[in-house]
Amino acid sequence: MTFDALARKVRRLNEARRLGRARLLALAAVLAAGAGAAAAQTAAPSQADPSAIPPLRLPAGEAPAKPETIPESSLRLSAFLSAADPQPLRGGVHWRVFDEKTEFDGSHTLVAESAEAAPALPIRDGAFIVHAAFGLAGATKRVTVSGKDVSERLVLNAGALRVVGMLGDQPINPAKTRVAIYVPERNNSEAKLVANGQSGDTVGLPEGNYHVVSTLLDPQSNGTANATNSVVSADLHVQAGKLTDASLRHRAATMTLKLVSGPSGEALANTSFTILTPGGDVIREMIGAFPSLVLAEGEYVAIARHDNNVYQTNFKVESTVDRDVEVLAK
């Protein structure tokens, strides 16, 4: 073989190698492009616009399910003081409705409440316990509701008591009185305190006997009120369906104390006063130039202390006669 022939053969072999390498590169490019397209197709659903997803549709002829509602009935309530009372109470009643079923702790769930005299309460079907409170009186009744309106009346077997404090012929300012109501027991008229209020308050009470105490209050110079020794009590009976009115009459007056050097003289400041009964029982101790206090009708002793000196005088209190009590410093 000549040199020229050999050179041509070598050139053909090199050209063949270059063509083979080009075909391999082209095939690799095609394979890479196919893998990218497949990956793009795999990712496409997660990158798609949500609005492009077709909505779910119910089968033909079916409507969407509606939220479940619990049917309710109306529970109408009224309270009477007694079984013979023709008219229900028009105010002052507090209604509570409890589920009859007890909880784990033994309590009953409160399902409705109202302060109206005759409420109409929307309530589901079931068994309930209805309680009506009128002051200290109350009544309970079991009620069943089953798909229709229910009306119930509760008889409280109660009455009302109103106590008015009087001083002379005039009613006492309610702020100056304290009225306590007790349930008495044998040999103890104040065995159980059931109510505390002011003159003129109306209190609902179960039918029965009660012991009532009215105390006249004495406002001090610092604005507080102290109980005086003017205390009036009475035993009363409250009858079902009726209002019991009672007037308790106090016999007292306001005394203003003064330590003076002479009759109608100027009161000496920084004086300590002690008021005692003739038997020596201390009623009140006070400090000032002319302190005032309310005392029940009767006789008293006033002792005044000033500059380590002690003075005293006897005086008498007459009901509704307010006056000055002068203690002479001599």
Protein backbone atom coordinates (compact mmCIF):
# COMPACT_ATOMS: atom_id res chain seq x y z
CA MET A 1 0.00 0.00 0.00
CA THR A 2 1.30 3.38 -0.97
CA PHE A 3 1.77 6.20 1.43
CA ASP A 4 -1.14 8.20 -0.06
CA ALA A 5 -3.54 5.31 0.25
CA LEU A 6 -2.58 4.80 3.87
CA ALA A 7 -3.16 8.50 4.68
CA ARG A 8 -6.66 8.39 3.13
CA LYS A 9 -7.59 5.33 5.21
CA VAL A 10 -6.52 7.07 8.44
CA ARG A 11 -8.61 10.16 7.57
CA ARG A 12 -11.71 7.96 7.00
CA LEU A 13 -11.27 6.26 10.39
CA ASN A 14 -10.99 9.61 12.26
CA GLU A 15 -14.07 10.93 10.47
CA ALA A 16 -16.01 7.84 11.47
CA ARG A 17 -15.06 8.32 15.13
CA ARG A 18 -16.21 11.99 15.04
CA LEU A 19 -19.56 10.99 13.54
CA GLY A 20 -20.11 8.34 16.23
CA ARG A 21 -19.35 10.80 19.05
CA ALA A 22 -21.79 13.35 17.56
CA ARG A 23 -24.54 10.72 17.41
CA LEU A 24 -23.95 9.80 21.09
CA LEU A 25 -24.19 13.45 22.17
CA ALA A 26 -27.38 13.93 20.17
CA LEU A 27 -28.93 10.82 21.75
CA ALA A 28 -28.00 12.04 25.24
CA ALA A 29 -29.63 15.43 24.52
CA VAL A 30 -32.80 13.71 23.37
CA LEU A 31 -32.92 11.54 26.51
CA ALA A 32 -32.36 14.59 28.78
CA ALA A 33 -35.14 16.53 27.06
CA GLY A 34 -37.53 13.60 27.55
CA ALA A 35 -36.75 13.36 31.26
CA GLY A 36 -37.40 17.12 31.74
CA ALA A 37 -40.75 16.90 30.00
CA ALA A 38 -41.75 13.96 32.19
CA ALA A 39 -40.76 15.87 35.33
CA ALA A 40 -42.72 18.90 34.13
CA GLN A 41 -45.75 16.71 33.56
CA THR A 42 -45.41 15.20 37.05
CA ALA A 43 -45.20 18.62 38.69
CA ALA A 44 -47.97 20.14 36.62
CA PRO A 45 -50.91 19.11 38.83
CA SER A 46 -49.46 20.76 41.98
CA GLN A 47 -48.67 23.96 40.06
CA ALA A 48 -52.01 24.12 38.31
CA ASP A 49 -54.52 26.94 38.99
CA PRO A 50 -57.05 25.70 41.63
CA SER A 51 -59.84 27.28 39.61
CA ALA A 52 -59.04 24.87 36.82
CA ILE A 53 -59.98 21.88 38.99
CA PRO A 54 -63.56 20.87 38.18
CA PRO A 55 -65.97 21.19 41.13
CA LEU A 56 -67.46 18.15 42.80
CA ARG A 57 -71.02 17.55 41.75
CA LEU A 58 -73.77 15.63 43.50
CA PRO A 59 -75.59 12.94 41.59
CA ALA A 60 -78.55 14.23 39.61
CA GLY A 61 -81.66 14.85 41.70
CA GLU A 62 -79.91 15.10 45.11
CA ALA A 63 -79.79 18.32 47.20
CA PRO A 64 -77.07 19.33 49.71
CA ALA A 65 -77.66 18.14 53.30
CA LYS A 66 -78.98 20.89 55.65
CA PRO A 67 -77.64 21.42 59.21
CA GLU A 68 -79.63 19.49 61.78
CA THR A 69 -81.94 21.71 63.88
CA ILE A 70 -83.42 20.83 67.25
CA PRO A 71 -87.15 21.61 67.37
CA GLU A 72 -88.19 23.88 70.26
CA SER A 73 -91.47 24.43 72.06
CA SER A 74 -92.63 27.29 74.28
CA LEU A 75 -92.75 26.83 78.06
CA ARG A 76 -95.14 29.41 79.58
CA LEU A 77 -94.84 29.94 83.34
CA SER A 78 -96.85 31.79 85.99
CA ALA A 79 -96.58 31.94 89.80
CA PHE A 80 -99.34 32.30 92.40
CA LEU A 81 -98.98 33.10 96.09
CA SER A 82 -101.70 30.59 97.01
CA ALA A 83 -103.87 28.03 95.26
CA ALA A 84 -106.90 30.30 95.75
CA ASP A 85 -105.16 33.38 94.38
CA PRO A 86 -106.97 34.40 91.13
CA GLN A 87 -104.16 36.59 89.82
CA PRO A 88 -100.54 35.55 89.20
CA LEU A 89 -97.64 37.57 90.58
CA ARG A 90 -96.79 40.57 88.42
CA GLY A 91 -93.18 40.96 89.50
CA GLY A 92 -90.41 39.90 91.81
CA VAL A 93 -90.26 36.30 90.52
CA HIS A 94 -86.99 34.66 89.46
CA TRP A 95 -87.40 31.60 87.24
CA ARG A 96 -84.81 28.87 86.64
CA VAL A 97 -85.25 25.76 84.49
CA PHE A 98 -82.87 22.82 84.98
CA ASP A 99 -82.35 19.63 83.01
CA GLU A 100 -83.78 16.75 85.02
CA LYS A 101 -80.79 14.58 84.16
CA THR A 102 -78.03 14.86 86.76
CA GLU A 103 -74.38 15.43 85.95
CA PHE A 104 -71.50 13.35 87.32
CA ASP A 105 -71.25 15.63 90.37
CA GLY A 106 -74.99 15.34 91.10
CA SER A 107 -75.86 18.83 89.83
CA HIS A 108 -78.45 19.77 87.21
CA THR A 109 -77.61 21.85 84.14
CA LEU A 110 -79.34 25.25 83.97
CA VAL A 111 -81.06 25.46 80.56
CA ALA A 112 -83.15 28.66 80.94
CA GLU A 113 -83.54 31.60 83.31
CA SER A 114 -85.83 34.64 83.45
CA ALA A 115 -86.79 37.51 85.75
CA GLU A 116 -90.07 38.15 83.94
CA ALA A 117 -93.26 37.64 85.92
CA ALA A 118 -94.80 35.29 83.32
CA PRO A 119 -92.13 34.26 80.79
CA ALA A 120 -92.53 32.18 77.62
CA LEU A 121 -89.27 30.26 77.31
CA PRO A 122 -88.19 28.46 74.10
CA ILE A 123 -87.10 24.98 75.11
CA ARG A 124 -86.26 21.65 73.48
CA ASP A 125 -88.13 18.44 74.18
CA GLY A 126 -87.27 16.66 77.40
CA ALA A 127 -87.86 16.50 81.14
CA PHE A 128 -87.02 19.55 83.27
CA ILE A 129 -87.20 20.89 86.81
CA VAL A 130 -88.74 24.38 87.09
CA HIS A 131 -88.00 26.53 90.16
CA ALA A 132 -89.71 29.84 91.00
CA ALA A 133 -88.27 32.12 93.71
CA PHE A 134 -90.15 35.02 95.27
CA GLY A 135 -88.02 36.59 97.96
CA LEU A 136 -87.38 33.78 100.44
CA ALA A 137 -90.33 31.73 99.17
CA GLY A 138 -89.94 29.17 96.41
CA ALA A 139 -91.63 26.29 94.59
CA THR A 140 -90.37 23.49 92.35
CA LYS A 141 -92.18 21.44 89.71
CA ARG A 142 -91.23 18.72 87.20
CA VAL A 143 -92.23 19.54 83.62
CA THR A 144 -92.12 17.42 80.45
CA VAL A 145 -91.98 19.00 76.98
CA SER A 146 -92.73 16.80 73.94
CA GLY A 147 -93.25 18.65 70.68
CA LYS A 148 -95.88 21.18 71.73
CA ASP A 149 -96.23 24.31 73.88
CA VAL A 150 -96.64 23.78 77.63
CA SER A 151 -98.19 26.10 80.25
CA GLU A 152 -97.42 25.57 83.93
CA ARG A 153 -98.46 27.42 87.10
CA LEU A 154 -96.54 27.15 90.35
CA VAL A 155 -98.13 27.80 93.74
CA LEU A 156 -95.64 29.31 96.18
CA ASN A 157 -97.82 29.02 99.33
CA ALA A 158 -96.32 32.33 100.40
CA GLY A 159 -97.18 35.85 101.39
CA ALA A 160 -95.37 39.15 101.74
CA LEU A 161 -94.29 41.12 104.78
CA ARG A 162 -93.67 44.86 104.93
CA VAL A 163 -92.36 46.47 108.12
CA VAL A 164 -92.34 50.26 108.54
CA GLY A 165 -90.47 51.94 111.38
CA MET A 166 -92.18 54.94 112.98
CA LEU A 167 -90.84 57.67 115.27
CA GLY A 168 -93.81 59.36 116.85
CA ASP A 169 -96.37 59.72 114.08
CA GLN A 170 -93.80 59.96 111.27
CA PRO A 171 -92.22 57.17 109.22
CA ILE A 172 -88.49 56.89 109.79
CA ASN A 173 -86.11 57.47 106.90
CA PRO A 174 -85.32 53.92 105.65
CA ALA A 175 -81.59 54.73 105.75
CA LYS A 176 -81.88 55.21 109.52
CA THR A 177 -83.37 51.79 110.26
CA ARG A 178 -82.39 48.16 110.10
CA VAL A 179 -85.09 45.48 110.02
CA ALA A 180 -84.22 41.85 110.79
CA ILE A 181 -86.63 38.94 110.25
CA TYR A 182 -86.17 35.70 112.20
CA VAL A 183 -87.79 32.28 112.19
CA PRO A 184 -88.44 31.62 115.91
CA GLU A 185 -88.01 28.38 117.75
CA ARG A 186 -89.15 27.28 121.17
CA ASN A 187 -87.45 29.47 123.83
CA ASN A 188 -85.51 31.38 121.13
CA SER A 189 -87.36 34.07 119.18
CA GLU A 190 -84.23 34.90 117.13
CA ALA A 191 -83.21 31.34 116.31
CA LYS A 192 -82.69 31.78 112.56
CA LEU A 193 -82.09 35.06 110.69
CA VAL A 194 -83.74 34.85 107.26
CA ALA A 195 -83.76 38.47 106.04
CA ASN A 196 -82.12 41.80 106.73
CA GLY A 197 -83.38 45.05 105.21
CA GLN A 198 -84.69 48.55 105.79
CA SER A 199 -87.96 50.08 106.83
CA GLY A 200 -90.54 49.79 104.07
CA ASP A 201 -88.97 46.79 102.30
CA THR A 202 -91.42 44.15 101.07
CA VAL A 203 -90.13 40.61 101.55
CA GLY A 204 -91.69 37.45 100.11
CA LEU A 205 -91.89 34.74 102.78
CA PRO A 206 -93.33 31.24 103.08
CA GLU A 207 -96.49 31.14 105.15
CA GLY A 208 -95.65 30.96 108.86
CA ASN A 209 -94.67 32.79 112.04
CA TYR A 210 -91.83 35.30 112.22
CA HIS A 211 -90.08 37.49 114.78
CA VAL A 212 -89.27 40.98 113.48
CA VAL A 213 -86.76 43.41 115.05
CA SER A 214 -86.48 47.08 114.04
CA THR A 215 -83.37 48.99 115.17
CA LEU A 216 -83.02 52.76 114.92
CA LEU A 217 -79.61 53.82 113.59
CA ASP A 218 -77.53 56.79 114.71
CA PRO A 219 -75.31 58.52 112.10
CA GLN A 220 -71.96 59.52 113.58
CA SER A 221 -69.80 62.50 112.63
CA ASN A 222 -67.57 60.28 110.42
CA GLY A 223 -70.55 59.27 108.27
CA THR A 224 -71.00 55.73 109.64
CA ALA A 225 -74.20 54.52 111.32
CA ASN A 226 -74.28 52.78 114.69
CA ALA A 227 -77.13 50.83 116.20
CA THR A 228 -78.86 52.72 118.99
CA ASN A 229 -80.54 51.30 122.06
CA SER A 230 -83.92 52.05 120.47
CA VAL A 231 -84.98 48.54 119.44
CA VAL A 232 -88.59 47.44 118.83
CA SER A 233 -89.70 43.87 118.10
CA ALA A 234 -92.91 42.02 117.27
CA ASP A 235 -94.15 38.50 116.49
CA LEU A 236 -96.05 38.35 113.19
CA HIS A 237 -97.85 35.73 111.11
CA VAL A 238 -97.54 35.73 107.31
CA GLN A 239 -100.54 34.28 105.50
CA ALA A 240 -100.32 32.80 102.00
CA GLY A 241 -101.67 35.07 99.30
CA LYS A 242 -101.69 38.19 101.48
CA LEU A 243 -99.49 41.18 102.27
CA THR A 244 -98.89 41.63 105.99
CA ASP A 245 -98.23 45.28 106.93
CA ALA A 246 -96.68 46.07 110.31
CA SER A 247 -95.68 49.39 111.89
CA LEU A 248 -93.10 49.29 114.66
CA ARG A 249 -93.09 52.50 116.69
CA HIS A 250 -89.83 53.74 118.21
CA ARG A 251 -89.73 56.07 121.20
CA ALA A 252 -86.45 57.98 121.02
CA ALA A 253 -84.85 61.38 120.52
CA THR A 254 -81.53 62.95 119.50
CA MET A 255 -79.36 64.32 122.32
CA THR A 256 -76.45 66.73 121.75
CA LEU A 257 -73.82 66.64 124.52
CA LYS A 258 -71.83 69.68 125.70
CA LEU A 259 -69.33 70.37 128.44
CA VAL A 260 -69.73 74.02 129.38
CA SER A 261 -68.27 76.27 132.05
CA GLY A 262 -71.73 77.76 132.73
CA PRO A 263 -75.37 77.47 131.58
CA SER A 264 -75.68 78.09 127.83
CA GLY A 265 -71.92 78.52 127.66
CA GLU A 266 -69.60 77.60 124.80
CA ALA A 267 -68.82 73.89 124.45
CA LEU A 268 -65.30 72.84 125.42
CA ALA A 269 -63.36 70.96 122.76
CA ASN A 270 -61.45 67.71 123.23
CA THR A 271 -64.00 66.29 125.66
CA SER A 272 -64.68 62.58 126.11
CA PHE A 273 -68.26 61.56 126.93
CA THR A 274 -69.63 58.31 128.32
CA ILE A 275 -73.38 57.65 128.42
CA LEU A 276 -74.63 55.13 130.96
CA THR A 277 -77.94 53.80 132.23
CA PRO A 278 -78.79 54.47 135.90
CA GLY A 279 -77.65 50.89 136.54
CA GLY A 280 -74.18 51.61 135.14
CA ASP A 281 -74.44 49.92 131.72
CA VAL A 282 -72.42 51.79 129.07
CA ILE A 283 -74.54 52.91 126.11
CA ARG A 284 -71.99 54.90 124.08
CA GLU A 285 -68.58 56.58 124.33
CA MET A 286 -67.91 59.66 122.20
CA ILE A 287 -65.29 62.40 121.75
CA GLY A 288 -65.87 65.98 120.56
CA ALA A 289 -67.07 69.45 121.49
CA PHE A 290 -70.77 68.63 120.96
CA PRO A 291 -71.37 65.04 119.74
CA SER A 292 -74.93 63.87 119.06
CA LEU A 293 -76.55 60.50 119.51
CA VAL A 294 -79.98 58.88 119.41
CA LEU A 295 -81.25 57.41 122.67
CA ALA A 296 -84.38 55.51 123.55
CA GLU A 297 -86.81 57.16 125.92
CA GLY A 298 -85.61 56.90 129.54
CA GLU A 299 -83.12 58.19 132.12
CA TYR A 300 -79.33 58.35 131.66
CA VAL A 301 -76.06 59.54 133.18
CA ALA A 302 -73.57 61.61 131.16
CA ILE A 303 -69.90 61.62 132.25
CA ALA A 304 -67.52 64.16 130.67
CA ARG A 305 -63.69 64.05 130.90
CA HIS A 306 -61.62 67.14 130.08
CA ASP A 307 -58.03 68.06 131.11
CA ASN A 308 -57.87 65.15 133.58
CA ASN A 309 -61.08 66.33 135.24
CA VAL A 310 -64.33 64.35 135.41
CA TYR A 311 -67.83 65.86 135.44
CA GLN A 312 -71.27 64.27 135.27
CA THR A 313 -74.97 64.99 135.11
CA ASN A 314 -78.25 63.06 134.99
CA PHE A 315 -80.73 63.67 132.17
CA LYS A 316 -83.98 62.30 130.78
CA VAL A 317 -84.95 61.50 127.19
CA GLU A 318 -88.53 62.04 126.00
CA SER A 319 -89.63 60.57 122.67
CA THR A 320 -89.30 62.95 119.66
CA VAL A 321 -87.98 65.78 121.87
CA ASP A 322 -84.48 66.55 120.55
CA ARG A 323 -82.39 68.80 122.81
CA ASP A 324 -78.94 69.69 124.21
CA VAL A 325 -77.57 68.05 127.34
CA GLU A 326 -75.17 70.38 129.18
CA VAL A 327 -72.60 69.03 131.61
CA LEU A 328 -71.28 71.83 133.86
CA ALA A 329 -67.51 71.88 134.34
CA LYS A 330 -67.56 72.54 138.07
